[in-house]
N, C-alpha and C. Protein backbone atom coordinates (compact mmCIF):
# COMPACT_ATOMS: atom_id res chain seq x y z
N UNK A 1 98.60 107.00 115.88
CA UNK A 1 99.84 106.19 116.23
C UNK A 1 99.95 105.99 117.69
N UNK A 2 100.61 105.16 117.64
CA UNK A 2 101.01 104.17 119.26
C UNK A 2 102.57 104.79 119.13
N UNK A 3 102.88 105.43 120.81
CA UNK A 3 103.53 105.96 121.75
C UNK A 3 103.78 105.10 122.37
N UNK A 4 105.40 104.75 123.02
CA UNK A 4 106.17 103.90 123.40
C UNK A 4 107.07 104.55 124.13
N UNK A 5 107.13 103.81 125.44
CA UNK A 5 108.66 103.95 126.14
C UNK A 5 109.41 102.68 126.31
N UNK A 6 110.70 102.85 125.42
CA UNK A 6 111.40 101.74 125.59
C UNK A 6 112.17 101.71 126.64
N UNK A 7 112.53 100.77 127.55
CA UNK A 7 113.62 100.43 128.30
C UNK A 7 114.64 100.56 127.75
N UNK A 8 116.07 101.53 128.35
CA UNK A 8 116.98 101.80 127.73
C UNK A 8 118.54 100.58 127.97
N UNK A 9 119.08 100.53 127.10
CA UNK A 9 120.11 99.46 127.50
C UNK A 9 121.50 99.79 126.83
N UNK A 10 122.61 99.55 127.61
CA UNK A 10 123.77 99.85 127.06
C UNK A 10 124.08 100.45 125.76
N UNK A 11 123.34 99.73 124.59
CA UNK A 11 123.28 99.89 123.01
C UNK A 11 123.11 101.28 122.61
N UNK A 12 122.01 101.66 123.57
CA UNK A 12 121.43 103.08 123.17
C UNK A 12 121.71 104.09 124.06
N UNK A 13 123.08 103.96 124.99
CA UNK A 13 123.82 105.08 125.22
C UNK A 13 124.06 106.32 124.81
N UNK A 14 124.80 105.91 123.14
CA UNK A 14 124.53 107.28 122.13
C UNK A 14 123.97 107.73 121.85
N UNK A 15 122.99 107.36 121.63
CA UNK A 15 121.32 108.10 120.83
C UNK A 15 120.70 108.84 121.95
N UNK A 16 121.00 108.25 123.54
CA UNK A 16 120.38 108.73 124.54
C UNK A 16 121.06 109.83 124.49
N UNK A 17 122.50 110.17 124.46
CA UNK A 17 123.26 111.21 124.77
C UNK A 17 122.86 112.48 123.72
N UNK A 18 122.62 112.12 122.45
CA UNK A 18 122.66 112.87 121.46
C UNK A 18 121.19 113.66 121.65
N UNK A 19 120.21 112.77 122.07
CA UNK A 19 119.19 113.14 122.39
C UNK A 19 119.31 114.39 123.42
N UNK A 20 119.65 113.70 124.99
CA UNK A 20 119.54 114.46 125.39
C UNK A 20 120.04 116.09 125.40
N UNK A 21 121.86 116.14 125.14
CA UNK A 21 121.89 117.30 124.48
C UNK A 21 121.17 117.93 123.56
N UNK A 22 120.95 117.18 122.63
CA UNK A 22 120.36 118.36 121.60
C UNK A 22 119.18 119.10 122.20
N UNK A 23 118.60 118.10 122.91
CA UNK A 23 116.94 118.39 123.16
C UNK A 23 117.23 119.22 124.15
N UNK A 24 117.96 119.34 125.33
CA UNK A 24 118.62 120.13 126.50
C UNK A 24 118.94 121.56 125.79
N UNK A 25 119.51 121.97 124.87
CA UNK A 25 120.57 122.75 124.35
C UNK A 25 119.04 123.78 123.72
N UNK A 26 118.49 122.94 122.82
CA UNK A 26 116.95 123.74 122.24
C UNK A 26 116.08 124.12 123.18
N UNK A 27 116.29 123.65 124.33
CA UNK A 27 114.95 124.15 124.92
C UNK A 27 115.33 125.25 126.24
N UNK A 28 116.86 124.72 126.52
CA UNK A 28 116.94 125.30 127.95
C UNK A 28 118.28 126.16 127.69
N UNK A 29 119.12 126.21 126.83
CA UNK A 29 120.47 126.55 126.56
C UNK A 29 120.57 128.42 126.90
N UNK A 30 118.96 128.76 126.44
CA UNK A 30 119.07 130.46 126.85
C UNK A 30 119.14 131.18 128.36
N UNK A 31 118.96 129.78 129.46
CA UNK A 31 118.50 130.43 130.48
C UNK A 31 119.94 129.67 131.51
N UNK A 32 120.90 129.59 130.63
CA UNK A 32 122.34 129.97 130.90
C UNK A 32 123.05 131.05 130.88
N UNK A 33 123.46 131.37 131.72
CA UNK A 33 124.51 132.65 131.55
C UNK A 33 125.81 132.18 131.00
N UNK A 34 126.60 131.45 131.57
CA UNK A 34 127.71 130.45 131.43
C UNK A 34 128.07 129.72 130.37
N UNK A 35 128.66 129.25 129.19
CA UNK A 35 128.26 128.30 128.28
C UNK A 35 129.20 127.33 128.74
N UNK A 36 130.45 127.34 129.40
CA UNK A 36 131.14 126.59 129.93
C UNK A 36 130.71 125.82 131.24
N UNK A 37 129.05 126.72 131.92
CA UNK A 37 128.66 126.01 133.39
C UNK A 37 127.38 124.77 132.07
N UNK A 38 127.08 125.22 130.93
CA UNK A 38 125.91 124.40 130.68
C UNK A 38 127.06 123.35 130.11
N UNK A 39 127.81 123.79 129.51
CA UNK A 39 128.67 122.61 129.08
C UNK A 39 128.77 121.15 130.24
N UNK A 40 129.50 121.97 131.01
CA UNK A 40 129.58 120.90 132.70
C UNK A 40 128.29 120.50 132.52
N UNK A 41 127.15 120.97 132.62
CA UNK A 41 126.07 120.28 132.79
C UNK A 41 125.46 119.04 131.90
N UNK A 42 125.59 119.73 131.09
CA UNK A 42 125.32 118.49 130.09
C UNK A 42 126.14 117.32 129.82
N UNK A 43 127.54 117.59 130.22
CA UNK A 43 128.78 116.41 130.61
C UNK A 43 127.91 115.41 131.93
N UNK A 44 127.67 116.35 132.94
CA UNK A 44 127.33 115.39 133.68
C UNK A 44 125.97 114.65 133.99
N UNK A 45 124.90 115.30 132.87
CA UNK A 45 123.80 114.78 132.78
C UNK A 45 123.46 113.74 131.74
N UNK A 46 124.74 113.86 130.73
CA UNK A 46 124.36 113.25 129.47
C UNK A 46 125.35 112.83 128.86
N UNK A 47 126.49 112.98 129.27
CA UNK A 47 127.84 111.85 128.79
C UNK A 47 127.21 110.45 129.22
N UNK A 48 128.22 109.55 128.08
CA UNK A 48 127.88 108.43 128.04
C UNK A 48 128.45 107.35 130.08
N UNK A 49 129.55 108.35 130.06
CA UNK A 49 129.54 107.58 131.71
C UNK A 49 128.30 107.52 132.61
N UNK A 50 127.52 109.01 132.66
CA UNK A 50 127.04 109.17 133.24
C UNK A 50 125.43 108.51 133.17
N UNK A 51 125.10 108.41 131.56
CA UNK A 51 124.11 107.45 131.48
C UNK A 51 124.03 106.07 131.82
N UNK A 52 124.94 105.41 131.57
CA UNK A 52 125.76 104.15 131.96
C UNK A 52 125.85 103.84 133.19
N UNK A 53 125.92 105.11 134.38
CA UNK A 53 125.94 104.94 135.75
C UNK A 53 124.51 104.89 136.02
N UNK A 54 123.39 105.22 135.09
CA UNK A 54 122.22 105.72 135.74
C UNK A 54 121.76 104.17 135.24
N UNK A 55 122.31 103.22 134.19
CA UNK A 55 121.60 101.82 133.68
C UNK A 55 122.11 101.18 134.65
N UNK A 56 123.12 101.26 134.99
CA UNK A 56 123.29 99.93 136.06
C UNK A 56 122.92 100.48 137.74
N UNK A 57 121.98 101.49 137.99
CA UNK A 57 121.49 101.31 139.13
C UNK A 57 120.05 100.81 139.15
N UNK A 58 119.52 100.11 140.11
CA UNK A 58 118.76 99.43 139.89
C UNK A 58 117.26 100.14 140.12
N UNK A 59 117.29 101.34 140.94
CA UNK A 59 116.68 102.14 140.55
C UNK A 59 116.39 103.69 140.01
N UNK A 60 116.93 103.43 138.85
CA UNK A 60 117.01 104.40 137.95
C UNK A 60 116.42 103.41 136.16
N UNK A 61 115.84 104.03 135.46
CA UNK A 61 115.32 103.62 134.15
C UNK A 61 115.78 104.57 133.26
N UNK A 62 115.98 104.62 132.20
CA UNK A 62 116.47 105.78 130.89
C UNK A 62 115.46 104.87 130.31
N UNK A 63 114.49 105.57 129.23
CA UNK A 63 113.71 105.16 128.11
C UNK A 63 113.54 106.18 127.19
N UNK A 64 113.75 105.12 126.08
CA UNK A 64 114.18 105.98 124.58
C UNK A 64 112.10 106.71 124.25
N UNK A 65 111.83 107.14 123.87
CA UNK A 65 110.28 107.68 123.70
C UNK A 65 110.20 107.04 122.10
N UNK A 66 108.96 106.53 121.52
CA UNK A 66 108.97 106.73 120.09
C UNK A 66 107.45 106.52 119.76
N UNK A 67 107.53 107.12 118.50
CA UNK A 67 106.00 106.27 117.60
C UNK A 67 106.48 105.68 116.11
N UNK A 68 106.59 105.86 115.03
CA UNK A 68 107.28 105.47 114.18
C UNK A 68 108.58 105.71 114.12
N UNK A 69 109.19 106.71 115.19
CA UNK A 69 110.74 106.48 115.26
C UNK A 69 111.44 106.93 116.32
N UNK A 70 112.27 107.16 116.82
CA UNK A 70 112.43 107.95 118.38
C UNK A 70 112.58 109.29 118.39
N UNK A 71 111.63 109.91 119.69
CA UNK A 71 111.46 111.22 119.19
C UNK A 71 111.92 112.25 120.46
N UNK A 72 112.16 111.09 121.70
CA UNK A 72 112.57 111.69 122.98
C UNK A 72 113.54 110.57 123.74
N UNK A 73 113.19 111.26 125.06
CA UNK A 73 113.96 110.40 126.37
C UNK A 73 113.39 110.59 127.84
N UNK A 74 113.34 109.96 128.55
CA UNK A 74 112.44 109.98 129.97
C UNK A 74 113.93 109.65 130.60
N UNK A 75 113.56 109.84 131.95
CA UNK A 75 114.61 109.14 132.84
C UNK A 75 113.68 109.18 133.98
N UNK A 76 113.60 108.19 135.12
CA UNK A 76 113.08 107.64 136.24
C UNK A 76 113.92 107.62 137.25
N UNK A 77 113.53 107.99 138.22
CA UNK A 77 114.16 107.41 139.70
C UNK A 77 113.18 107.00 140.29
N UNK A 78 113.13 105.44 141.09
CA UNK A 78 112.36 104.84 142.02
C UNK A 78 112.56 105.12 143.35
N UNK A 79 111.35 105.27 144.53
CA UNK A 79 111.77 105.28 145.97
C UNK A 79 112.48 106.14 146.51
N UNK A 80 112.57 107.38 145.50
CA UNK A 80 112.92 108.71 146.13
C UNK A 80 112.20 109.51 147.08
N UNK A 81 112.91 110.03 147.79
CA UNK A 81 112.41 110.99 148.86
C UNK A 81 112.21 112.50 148.56
N UNK A 82 111.33 112.88 148.32
CA UNK A 82 110.76 114.32 147.94
C UNK A 82 111.56 115.15 148.91
N UNK A 83 112.69 116.51 148.21
CA UNK A 83 113.30 117.14 149.07
C UNK A 83 112.90 118.29 149.66
N UNK A 84 113.09 118.33 150.33
CA UNK A 84 112.73 119.57 151.26
C UNK A 84 111.55 120.00 152.22
N UNK A 85 111.10 118.83 152.63
CA UNK A 85 109.67 118.55 153.36
C UNK A 85 110.06 119.00 154.67
N UNK A 86 108.70 120.19 155.04
CA UNK A 86 108.70 120.40 155.98
C UNK A 86 109.05 119.96 157.59
N UNK A 87 109.52 120.21 158.31
CA UNK A 87 109.84 119.42 159.69
C UNK A 87 108.59 118.81 160.22
N UNK A 88 107.69 119.27 160.01
CA UNK A 88 105.98 119.01 160.64
C UNK A 88 105.38 118.10 159.82
N UNK A 89 106.11 118.06 158.53
CA UNK A 89 105.66 116.87 157.65
C UNK A 89 106.61 115.63 157.35
N UNK A 90 105.58 114.43 157.33
CA UNK A 90 106.27 113.29 156.57
C UNK A 90 106.75 112.93 155.79
N UNK A 91 108.00 112.63 155.38
CA UNK A 91 108.89 112.54 154.21
C UNK A 91 107.57 111.40 153.28
N UNK A 92 107.78 112.02 151.91
CA UNK A 92 107.48 111.29 150.91
C UNK A 92 108.17 110.96 150.06
N UNK A 93 107.65 109.86 149.68
CA UNK A 93 108.74 108.74 148.93
C UNK A 93 107.82 108.02 147.75
N UNK A 94 108.51 108.63 146.50
CA UNK A 94 108.09 108.34 145.17
C UNK A 94 108.60 108.32 144.22
N UNK A 95 108.12 107.96 142.63
CA UNK A 95 108.94 108.27 141.44
C UNK A 95 109.32 109.64 141.25
N UNK A 96 110.81 109.79 140.92
CA UNK A 96 110.86 111.01 140.46
C UNK A 96 111.17 111.22 138.68
N UNK A 97 110.37 112.37 138.30
CA UNK A 97 110.65 112.33 136.81
C UNK A 97 111.73 113.34 136.26
N UNK A 98 113.11 112.58 136.32
CA UNK A 98 114.34 113.61 136.33
C UNK A 98 114.03 114.26 134.98
N UNK A 99 113.70 113.79 133.38
CA UNK A 99 113.71 113.96 132.67
C UNK A 99 112.54 113.82 131.73
N UNK A 100 111.93 114.52 130.79
CA UNK A 100 110.96 114.11 130.20
C UNK A 100 111.33 115.00 128.90
N UNK A 101 112.40 114.96 128.10
CA UNK A 101 112.72 115.26 126.75
C UNK A 101 112.51 114.81 125.35
N UNK A 102 111.86 115.72 124.58
CA UNK A 102 111.72 115.52 123.19
C UNK A 102 112.59 116.18 122.20
N UNK A 103 112.74 115.74 120.89
CA UNK A 103 113.26 116.65 120.34
C UNK A 103 112.26 117.56 119.88
N UNK A 104 113.35 118.40 119.58
CA UNK A 104 112.43 119.90 119.22
C UNK A 104 110.84 119.53 118.09
N UNK A 105 111.24 118.84 116.96
CA UNK A 105 110.64 118.59 115.74
C UNK A 105 109.49 118.07 116.89
N UNK A 106 109.59 117.40 117.36
CA UNK A 106 108.53 116.24 118.10
C UNK A 106 107.45 117.28 119.16
N UNK A 107 107.92 118.55 119.59
CA UNK A 107 107.44 119.04 120.84
C UNK A 107 106.16 119.57 120.46
N UNK A 108 104.77 119.81 121.11
CA UNK A 108 103.84 120.52 120.73
C UNK A 108 102.62 119.66 120.00
N UNK A 109 103.25 118.17 120.08
CA UNK A 109 102.29 117.36 118.82
C UNK A 109 101.64 116.66 119.69
N UNK A 110 101.33 117.20 121.00
CA UNK A 110 99.96 116.43 122.25
C UNK A 110 100.67 114.87 122.62
N UNK A 111 101.71 114.83 122.68
CA UNK A 111 102.50 113.38 123.00
C UNK A 111 102.78 113.38 124.74
N UNK A 112 102.73 114.55 125.58
CA UNK A 112 102.84 115.25 126.33
C UNK A 112 101.92 113.91 127.46
N UNK A 113 100.50 114.32 127.08
CA UNK A 113 99.65 113.48 128.37
C UNK A 113 99.84 111.75 128.28
N UNK A 114 100.03 111.03 126.83
CA UNK A 114 100.31 109.71 126.43
C UNK A 114 101.81 109.56 127.19
N UNK A 115 102.96 110.21 127.05
CA UNK A 115 104.36 109.94 128.17
C UNK A 115 103.74 110.24 129.42
N UNK A 116 103.03 110.92 129.98
CA UNK A 116 102.71 111.00 131.12
C UNK A 116 101.94 109.84 132.09
N UNK A 117 100.84 109.30 131.18
CA UNK A 117 100.04 108.17 131.82
C UNK A 117 100.69 106.81 131.80
N UNK A 118 101.87 106.81 131.02
CA UNK A 118 102.94 105.98 131.03
C UNK A 118 103.68 106.37 132.41
N UNK A 119 104.13 106.93 132.49
CA UNK A 119 104.94 107.38 133.50
C UNK A 119 104.18 106.75 134.66
N UNK A 120 102.85 107.39 135.05
CA UNK A 120 102.53 107.00 136.04
C UNK A 120 102.27 105.41 136.20
N UNK A 121 101.90 104.89 135.33
CA UNK A 121 102.01 103.20 135.16
C UNK A 121 103.28 102.92 135.84
N UNK A 122 104.09 103.33 134.94
CA UNK A 122 105.36 102.71 135.56
C UNK A 122 105.77 102.76 137.03
N UNK A 123 105.40 104.04 137.20
CA UNK A 123 105.40 104.13 139.03
C UNK A 123 104.84 102.86 139.77
N UNK A 124 103.89 102.80 139.84
CA UNK A 124 102.82 101.88 140.37
C UNK A 124 103.68 100.57 140.10
N UNK A 125 103.91 100.28 138.83
CA UNK A 125 104.77 98.88 138.86
C UNK A 125 105.89 99.04 139.44
N UNK A 126 106.57 99.72 139.84
CA UNK A 126 107.61 99.95 140.96
C UNK A 126 107.38 99.96 141.97
N UNK A 127 105.59 100.09 142.32
CA UNK A 127 105.72 99.99 144.16
C UNK A 127 105.59 101.15 144.27
N UNK A 128 105.84 102.64 143.89
CA UNK A 128 105.13 103.70 143.86
C UNK A 128 103.93 104.09 143.78
N UNK A 129 103.17 105.15 144.79
CA UNK A 129 101.96 105.14 144.99
C UNK A 129 101.93 107.19 144.95
N UNK A 130 103.32 107.50 144.25
CA UNK A 130 103.41 108.93 144.22
C UNK A 130 104.22 109.47 143.24
N UNK A 131 104.41 110.26 142.53
CA UNK A 131 104.92 110.66 141.60
C UNK A 131 105.29 112.53 141.88
N UNK A 132 106.69 112.99 141.62
CA UNK A 132 107.11 114.16 141.36
C UNK A 132 108.22 114.42 140.32
N UNK A 133 108.17 115.68 140.55
CA UNK A 133 109.34 116.61 139.81
C UNK A 133 109.89 117.94 140.03
N UNK A 134 110.71 118.47 139.36
CA UNK A 134 111.16 120.00 139.60
C UNK A 134 111.30 120.49 138.25
N UNK A 135 110.52 121.33 138.39
CA UNK A 135 110.46 121.91 136.76
C UNK A 135 110.55 123.57 137.42
N UNK A 136 111.27 124.58 136.04
CA UNK A 136 111.99 125.46 136.22
C UNK A 136 110.83 126.35 136.23
N UNK A 137 110.86 127.17 137.06
CA UNK A 137 110.08 128.57 137.55
C UNK A 137 109.57 128.72 136.59
N UNK A 138 111.04 129.46 135.96
CA UNK A 138 110.92 130.54 133.95
C UNK A 138 110.39 129.68 133.08
N UNK A 139 109.80 128.22 132.91
CA UNK A 139 109.40 127.56 131.85
C UNK A 139 107.40 127.23 132.09
N UNK A 140 106.57 128.08 132.35
CA UNK A 140 105.08 128.23 132.18
C UNK A 140 104.85 127.46 131.37
N UNK A 141 104.84 126.63 130.29
CA UNK A 141 104.37 125.94 129.45
C UNK A 141 104.66 124.56 130.19
N UNK A 142 105.58 124.24 130.63
CA UNK A 142 105.71 122.95 131.39
C UNK A 142 105.27 123.05 132.95
N UNK A 143 104.81 124.16 133.43
CA UNK A 143 104.20 124.01 134.61
C UNK A 143 103.05 123.70 134.41
N UNK A 144 102.35 124.61 133.60
CA UNK A 144 100.65 124.31 133.12
C UNK A 144 100.79 122.95 132.58
N UNK A 145 101.45 122.33 131.64
CA UNK A 145 101.49 120.97 131.75
C UNK A 145 101.52 120.09 133.04
N UNK A 146 102.02 120.13 133.80
CA UNK A 146 102.02 119.71 134.78
C UNK A 146 100.94 119.24 135.79
N UNK A 147 100.88 120.91 135.81
CA UNK A 147 99.04 121.07 136.76
C UNK A 147 97.80 120.56 135.73
N UNK A 148 97.64 120.46 134.75
CA UNK A 148 96.39 119.41 133.79
C UNK A 148 96.57 118.28 133.83
N UNK A 149 97.95 117.98 134.63
CA UNK A 149 97.96 116.50 134.56
C UNK A 149 97.60 115.95 136.33
N UNK A 150 97.23 116.70 136.93
CA UNK A 150 97.33 116.39 138.38
C UNK A 150 97.94 116.51 139.23
N UNK A 151 99.18 117.39 138.91
CA UNK A 151 100.71 117.68 139.84
C UNK A 151 100.47 119.26 140.38
N UNK A 152 100.45 118.74 141.51
CA UNK A 152 100.42 120.08 142.17
C UNK A 152 101.47 120.52 142.89
N UNK A 153 101.90 122.05 142.98
CA UNK A 153 102.80 122.60 143.51
C UNK A 153 103.37 122.53 145.06
N UNK A 154 104.36 122.20 144.99
CA UNK A 154 104.58 122.12 146.78
C UNK A 154 105.44 122.78 147.23
N UNK A 155 105.93 123.38 146.86
CA UNK A 155 107.15 124.61 147.32
C UNK A 155 108.35 124.54 146.04
N UNK A 156 108.71 126.14 145.97
CA UNK A 156 110.09 126.24 144.94
C UNK A 156 111.11 125.81 146.18
N UNK A 157 111.84 125.45 145.31
CA UNK A 157 113.42 124.95 145.65
C UNK A 157 114.23 126.06 144.22
N UNK A 158 115.97 125.66 144.66
CA UNK A 158 116.63 126.45 143.56
C UNK A 158 117.63 125.43 143.18
N UNK A 159 118.01 125.99 142.03
CA UNK A 159 119.08 125.46 141.03
C UNK A 159 119.81 126.11 141.24
N UNK A 160 121.20 125.28 141.77
CA UNK A 160 122.46 126.67 141.51
C UNK A 160 123.65 125.85 140.42
N UNK A 161 124.20 126.53 139.91
CA UNK A 161 125.34 126.40 139.16
C UNK A 161 126.71 127.60 139.99
N UNK A 162 127.70 127.29 139.50
CA UNK A 162 129.24 128.01 139.98
C UNK A 162 128.46 129.75 139.89
N UNK A 163 127.95 130.27 138.85
CA UNK A 163 127.63 131.09 138.72
C UNK A 163 125.99 131.82 139.08
N UNK A 164 125.10 130.90 139.05
CA UNK A 164 123.60 131.81 138.84
C UNK A 164 122.77 130.55 139.91
N UNK A 165 122.19 131.10 140.12
CA UNK A 165 120.62 130.17 140.52
C UNK A 165 119.26 130.56 140.07
N UNK A 166 118.56 129.07 139.59
CA UNK A 166 117.45 129.24 139.04
C UNK A 166 116.22 128.62 139.63
N UNK A 167 115.09 129.64 140.46
CA UNK A 167 114.33 129.02 141.00
C UNK A 167 113.55 127.86 140.24
N UNK A 168 113.61 126.95 140.87
CA UNK A 168 112.69 125.82 140.60
C UNK A 168 111.21 125.26 141.48
N UNK A 169 110.69 125.08 140.63
CA UNK A 169 109.26 124.74 141.50
C UNK A 169 109.00 122.83 141.32
N UNK A 170 108.71 122.31 142.47
CA UNK A 170 108.63 121.27 143.23
C UNK A 170 107.47 120.98 142.56
N UNK A 171 106.74 119.71 142.27
CA UNK A 171 105.60 119.34 141.99
C UNK A 171 105.33 117.62 142.01
N UNK A 172 104.32 117.61 142.90
CA UNK A 172 104.07 116.52 143.06
C UNK A 172 102.31 115.55 143.32
N UNK A 173 102.15 114.43 143.15
CA UNK A 173 100.61 113.83 142.98
C UNK A 173 100.90 112.23 143.31
N UNK A 174 100.08 112.31 144.03
CA UNK A 174 99.54 110.87 144.65
C UNK A 174 98.85 110.05 143.19
N UNK A 175 98.88 108.81 143.52
CA UNK A 175 98.44 107.82 142.15
C UNK A 175 97.62 107.27 142.87
């Protein structure tokens, strides 16, 4: 079964929004203490307007991930500075993996490795020789997956909402 990442277009906005909202809710809703903050986050990330803005950016690509059917989405931002670099270190620039979300019925089926390899290729095609991302510290499965792909822990950061903070682990990998 061949896995593909299709560049999303304006015609895909509704599907991206639906996949993003449903997969995020399934995988991460339990980490939010206040439902209204979760709803606000989903609007900021997956509203048609937010997706359209990303599609207009030359440095951002949205993708639909498919096998025989659409199984998820990915969002990449190119030429992005890795945040919170120590003062004595040179700033690292690369492709940020903003999102890789699979629909619940398609998780745990071994798609991650193929998706990650395709993302590495896309980063190189866009002139980046480094990839990075932030993952919830409380998501050990994701952390283990990214480590198995050769990513290395850089440092811990914090995600802030109005009423809570969640520790995030920053990972990076030279290509």
